[in-house]
Protein backbone atom coordinates (compact mmCIF):
# COMPACT_ATOMS: atom_id res chain seq x y z
CA MET A 1 -0.02 -0.01 0.01
CA ALA A 2 1.34 3.43 -0.91
CA ALA A 3 2.08 5.75 1.97
CA GLY A 4 -0.01 8.83 2.54
CA THR A 5 1.17 12.40 2.39
CA LEU A 6 2.10 14.68 5.24
CA PHE A 7 0.84 18.21 4.41
CA VAL A 8 2.50 21.06 6.28
CA VAL A 9 -0.28 23.66 6.21
CA ALA A 10 0.05 27.37 6.93
CA THR A 11 -2.95 28.85 8.77
CA PRO A 12 -3.90 32.50 9.43
CA ILE A 13 -1.89 34.50 11.94
CA GLY A 14 -5.00 36.57 12.67
CA ASN A 15 -7.37 37.35 9.82
CA LEU A 16 -9.22 34.12 8.94
CA GLY A 17 -9.64 35.40 5.38
CA ASP A 18 -5.91 34.76 4.82
CA LEU A 19 -6.37 30.99 4.70
CA THR A 20 -5.71 29.87 1.14
CA ALA A 21 -8.25 27.92 -0.92
CA ARG A 22 -5.74 25.08 -1.21
CA ALA A 23 -5.20 24.95 2.57
CA GLU A 24 -8.92 24.70 3.17
CA SER A 25 -9.23 21.97 0.59
CA VAL A 26 -6.40 19.96 2.17
CA LEU A 27 -7.82 20.37 5.69
CA ARG A 28 -11.13 19.00 4.48
CA ALA A 29 -9.63 16.04 2.60
CA VAL A 30 -7.04 14.63 5.04
CA SER A 31 -7.90 11.84 7.48
CA LEU A 32 -6.39 13.68 10.47
CA ILE A 33 -5.03 17.05 11.44
CA ALA A 34 -2.12 17.19 13.92
CA VAL A 35 -2.57 20.45 15.85
CA GLU A 36 -0.33 22.28 18.30
CA ASP A 37 -3.38 23.35 20.37
CA SER A 38 -6.90 22.29 19.49
CA ARG A 39 -8.29 25.31 21.31
CA ARG A 40 -6.60 27.55 18.76
CA THR A 41 -7.29 25.49 15.63
CA ALA A 42 -10.83 24.28 16.36
CA PRO A 43 -12.51 27.76 15.95
CA LEU A 44 -10.86 28.15 12.49
CA LEU A 45 -12.10 24.75 11.35
CA SER A 46 -15.54 25.38 12.85
CA SER A 47 -15.85 28.63 10.88
CA LEU A 48 -15.16 26.63 7.72
CA GLY A 49 -17.42 23.75 8.58
CA VAL A 50 -14.46 21.38 8.55
CA ARG A 51 -15.03 18.28 10.75
CA THR A 52 -11.72 16.46 10.22
CA PRO A 53 -10.55 14.80 13.44
CA LEU A 54 -7.79 16.59 15.42
CA LEU A 55 -4.85 15.07 17.28
CA PRO A 56 -2.81 17.27 19.67
CA TYR A 57 0.86 17.29 18.66
CA HIS A 58 3.25 19.54 20.53
CA GLU A 59 6.70 19.57 22.13
CA HIS A 60 5.51 17.77 25.25
CA ASN A 61 3.97 14.77 23.50
CA ALA A 62 5.98 14.60 20.24
CA GLU A 63 7.97 11.55 21.34
CA ALA A 64 4.79 9.49 21.83
CA ARG A 65 2.73 11.00 19.03
CA THR A 66 5.26 10.77 16.22
CA PRO A 67 5.16 6.97 15.90
CA GLN A 68 1.35 7.06 15.92
CA LEU A 69 1.23 9.55 13.10
CA LEU A 70 3.90 7.70 11.08
CA GLU A 71 1.90 4.50 11.42
CA ARG A 72 -1.17 6.16 9.92
CA LEU A 73 0.83 7.80 7.17
CA LEU A 74 2.53 4.51 6.23
CA ALA A 75 -0.92 2.87 6.20
CA GLY A 76 -1.88 5.22 3.39
CA GLU A 77 -3.67 8.01 5.27
CA ASP A 78 -3.05 11.66 4.52
CA VAL A 79 -2.30 13.86 7.51
CA ALA A 80 -2.08 17.65 7.88
CA LEU A 81 0.26 19.36 10.33
CA VAL A 82 -0.72 22.84 11.53
CA SER A 83 0.59 25.18 14.25
CA ASP A 84 -1.39 27.59 16.39
CA ALA A 85 -0.98 30.22 13.68
CA GLY A 86 1.14 30.87 10.64
CA THR A 87 3.58 28.48 8.97
CA PRO A 88 4.39 25.31 10.97
CA LEU A 89 7.96 24.81 12.20
CA ILE A 90 8.72 28.56 12.22
CA ALA A 91 9.42 28.92 15.99
CA ASP A 92 6.98 26.02 16.44
CA PRO A 93 7.28 22.28 17.08
CA GLY A 94 6.95 19.73 14.31
CA TYR A 95 10.39 19.27 12.80
CA ARG A 96 10.73 15.78 14.37
CA LEU A 97 7.60 14.53 12.57
CA VAL A 98 8.73 16.05 9.27
CA ARG A 99 12.21 14.56 9.56
CA GLU A 100 11.06 11.09 10.52
CA ALA A 101 8.33 11.04 7.89
CA ARG A 102 10.88 11.83 5.17
CA GLU A 103 13.24 9.14 6.52
CA ALA A 104 10.38 6.65 6.40
CA GLY A 105 9.69 7.46 2.73
CA VAL A 106 6.55 9.48 3.33
CA LEU A 107 5.96 12.41 0.94
CA VAL A 108 6.03 15.69 2.84
CA THR A 109 4.66 18.66 0.97
CA PRO A 110 4.14 22.32 2.00
CA VAL A 111 0.90 24.20 1.67
CA PRO A 112 2.30 27.73 1.98
CA GLY A 113 0.47 30.74 3.27
CA PRO A 114 0.57 33.25 6.16
CA SER A 115 3.86 33.86 7.99
CA ALA A 116 4.41 36.53 10.64
CA VAL A 117 8.07 36.75 9.69
CA MET A 118 7.44 37.44 6.05
CA ALA A 119 4.49 39.76 6.80
CA ALA A 120 6.70 41.93 9.04
CA LEU A 121 9.60 41.98 6.58
CA SER A 122 7.29 43.00 3.74
CA VAL A 123 6.31 46.21 5.49
CA ALA A 124 9.35 47.01 7.66
CA GLY A 125 11.07 49.10 5.04
CA LEU A 126 14.44 47.47 5.78
CA ALA A 127 16.75 45.47 3.55
CA THR A 128 15.61 41.90 2.91
CA ASP A 129 18.28 40.56 0.61
CA VAL A 130 19.97 39.06 3.68
CA PHE A 131 18.05 38.44 6.91
CA THR A 132 18.06 36.03 9.83
CA PHE A 133 15.21 34.93 12.05
CA HIS A 134 15.92 34.42 15.76
CA GLY A 135 12.48 33.63 17.13
CA PHE A 136 11.96 34.50 20.80
CA LEU A 137 15.01 35.77 22.67
CA PRO A 138 15.90 34.03 25.97
CA PRO A 139 13.49 35.17 28.74
CA LYS A 140 16.25 35.62 31.31
CA ALA A 141 17.92 39.02 31.19
CA MET A 142 21.55 37.93 31.12
CA ALA A 143 21.04 35.31 28.41
CA ARG A 144 19.00 37.80 26.37
CA ARG A 145 21.73 40.43 26.56
CA ARG A 146 24.41 37.96 25.53
CA ALA A 147 22.29 36.80 22.58
CA LEU A 148 21.86 40.39 21.36
CA GLU A 149 25.48 41.33 21.92
CA ALA A 150 26.47 38.32 19.74
CA LEU A 151 24.35 39.82 16.94
CA ALA A 152 25.60 43.40 17.24
CA LYS A 153 27.93 43.19 14.25
CA ALA A 154 25.67 41.09 12.01
CA GLU A 155 25.14 42.99 8.75
CA GLY A 156 21.91 41.27 7.72
CA THR A 157 18.47 42.37 8.93
CA LEU A 158 17.35 40.63 12.16
CA VAL A 159 13.82 39.41 12.93
CA PHE A 160 12.49 38.49 16.37
CA PHE A 161 9.23 37.50 18.09
CA GLU A 162 8.49 38.81 21.58
CA ALA A 163 5.82 38.51 24.27
CA PRO A 164 4.13 41.69 25.45
CA HIS A 165 5.42 41.46 29.00
CA ARG A 166 9.01 41.28 27.79
CA ILE A 167 8.97 43.75 24.84
CA GLU A 168 10.21 46.74 26.88
CA ALA A 169 13.12 44.75 28.40
CA ALA A 170 14.01 43.34 24.95
CA LEU A 171 14.14 46.78 23.40
CA GLU A 172 16.21 48.11 26.36
CA ASP A 173 18.75 45.34 25.82
CA ALA A 174 18.71 45.90 22.04
CA VAL A 175 19.50 49.60 22.58
CA SER A 176 22.45 48.59 24.82
CA ALA A 177 23.71 46.08 22.27
CA PHE A 178 23.02 47.86 18.95
CA GLY A 179 22.80 51.56 19.93
CA SER A 180 19.70 53.72 20.11
CA SER A 181 20.04 55.03 16.51
CA ARG A 182 19.78 51.59 14.79
CA GLU A 183 16.75 51.52 12.46
CA ALA A 184 13.97 49.24 13.53
CA TYR A 185 10.33 48.26 12.98
CA LEU A 186 7.79 46.75 15.35
CA GLY A 187 4.56 45.09 14.18
CA ARG A 188 1.82 44.46 16.76
CA GLU A 189 -1.11 42.11 16.26
CA LEU A 190 -0.42 41.64 12.57
CA THR A 191 -3.54 41.00 10.47
CA LYS A 192 -5.75 41.25 13.59
CA ARG A 193 -8.31 43.88 14.49
CA PHE A 194 -5.85 46.14 16.33
CA GLU A 195 -2.92 45.68 13.91
CA SER A 196 -0.38 48.49 14.21
CA HIS A 197 3.03 49.29 12.80
CA TYR A 198 5.84 51.35 14.32
CA ARG A 199 8.96 52.45 12.43
CA GLY A 200 11.89 54.50 13.62
CA THR A 201 14.99 53.72 15.67
CA LEU A 202 15.39 51.37 18.58
CA GLY A 203 15.50 54.43 20.81
CA THR A 204 12.21 55.88 19.57
CA LEU A 205 10.49 52.50 19.75
CA LEU A 206 11.67 52.04 23.34
CA ASP A 207 10.38 55.54 24.23
CA ALA A 208 7.03 54.70 22.66
CA VAL A 209 6.72 51.54 24.77
CA ARG A 210 7.71 53.39 27.96
CA THR A 211 5.17 56.17 27.36
CA GLU A 212 2.52 53.65 26.27
CA ALA A 213 2.24 55.34 22.87
CA LEU A 214 3.02 51.82 21.74
CA PRO A 215 0.80 49.51 23.87
CA ALA A 216 2.57 46.51 25.33
CA ARG A 217 -0.29 44.23 24.47
CA GLY A 218 -0.76 41.56 21.88
CA GLU A 219 1.83 39.67 19.78
CA PHE A 220 4.95 41.37 18.53
CA VAL A 221 7.32 40.89 15.60
CA TRP A 222 10.24 43.29 15.58
CA VAL A 223 12.83 43.86 12.90
CA VAL A 224 16.24 45.49 13.31
CA ALA A 225 18.45 46.83 10.56
CA GLY A 226 21.83 45.10 10.14
CA ALA A 227 25.04 46.74 11.37
CA PRO A 228 26.80 49.16 9.07
CA ALA A 229 29.63 47.58 7.06
CA ALA A 230 32.67 47.48 9.28
CA ALA A 231 35.57 49.65 8.13
CA GLY A 232 33.72 50.60 4.98
CA ALA A 233 36.66 51.46 2.73
CA ASP A 234 38.64 48.39 3.71
CA LEU A 235 35.61 46.13 3.27
CA ALA A 236 34.85 47.66 -0.13
CA LEU A 237 38.47 46.97 -1.13
CA GLY A 238 38.09 43.39 0.06
CA GLU A 239 34.94 42.97 -2.05
CA ASP A 240 36.73 44.34 -5.04
CA GLN A 241 39.63 41.99 -4.62
CA VAL A 242 37.34 38.98 -4.33
CA LEU A 243 35.30 40.04 -7.38
CA ARG A 244 38.40 40.78 -9.51
CA GLU A 245 39.75 37.30 -8.87
CA LEU A 246 36.39 35.68 -9.59
CA LEU A 247 35.90 37.75 -12.75
CA LYS A 248 39.06 36.22 -14.21
CA ALA A 249 37.16 32.94 -14.62
CA LEU A 250 33.46 33.73 -14.26
CA PRO A 251 30.87 36.04 -15.85
CA PRO A 252 29.65 38.88 -13.63
CA ALA A 253 26.39 37.15 -12.49
CA ARG A 254 28.16 34.01 -11.41
CA ALA A 255 31.01 35.94 -9.82
CA ALA A 256 28.48 37.92 -7.78
CA ARG A 257 26.73 34.77 -6.57
CA VAL A 258 30.02 33.22 -5.41
CA ALA A 259 31.14 36.44 -3.78
CA ALA A 260 27.80 36.76 -2.01
CA ALA A 261 28.25 33.34 -0.48
CA LEU A 262 31.82 34.13 0.59
CA LEU A 263 31.16 37.59 1.98
CA GLY A 264 27.61 37.28 3.28
CA LYS A 265 26.52 40.26 1.17
CA GLY A 266 23.59 40.88 -1.18
CA LYS A 267 23.97 39.49 -4.70
CA ARG A 268 22.52 42.51 -6.45
CA GLN A 269 24.98 44.91 -4.89
CA LEU A 270 27.90 42.65 -5.78
CA TYR A 271 26.61 42.10 -9.30
CA GLU A 272 26.44 45.83 -9.94
CA ARG A 273 30.01 46.22 -8.60
CA ALA A 274 31.17 43.32 -10.78
CA LEU A 275 29.75 45.06 -13.83
CA VAL A 276 31.69 48.24 -12.95
CA LEU A 277 34.92 46.32 -12.42
CA GLY A 278 34.33 44.55 -15.70
CA GLY A 279 33.87 47.82 -17.54
CA GLU A 280 30.10 47.56 -17.96
CA THR A 281 27.44 49.95 -16.86
CA PRO A 282 24.82 48.68 -14.38
CA SER A 283 21.22 49.01 -15.51
CA PRO A 284 19.20 51.62 -13.61
């Protein structure tokens, strides 16, 4: 008997209208839906009239539940995996089931849709050619400060989640680690009724939280600009040296891709510089 399929299904992060037609179809058709918390998923399914059975699957029962789900998949049943909200496995449990399903020969397929990370990046107004997602920072102050200090020189954009009761402390520690003038964005209750967006610097965002101009309520996604290029002139010279060597054997586009991997920089910027070094004019 052919094995079933494990569908990794993205669900709304707030607005129920963001559920895709394909996701709804899959949730109706599968034999079982593995849910992080049935209290969060059941209202969504009820609003759709979907009566597919639910099975709780979270970090506390994954060891026991994974074999059960694999048994059903290998018996030919299709199963959907959903998180409380958004895209499963992004700061959520579930990776163990996906990994073991693949190892068992089960087809695992994504049903993409809402993501708080991508929603925040799309409106933050900060560079997205290179970014890293760090989920929730450690709740304890010392560990949180160390985590932020380790990221202080990262040149890519940084994305975090935070709980309302820790957002002020997290911004305070970010100001200490990155400086108050670092550009930042904070999204609150994205796609929900009281959705709000705040842009400025870490310093202005912290002031807004302290004065309650930015309410410390709801769910937060915050985005911080990457660090300025260290020793700009020297770094630029280093980029040029790498590109010149690569251009001896590769066309500009391929040289830029290799240089981006080596230097951790955006491909477009390096491609335009490669054209200049090669005597060509970048397109506007």
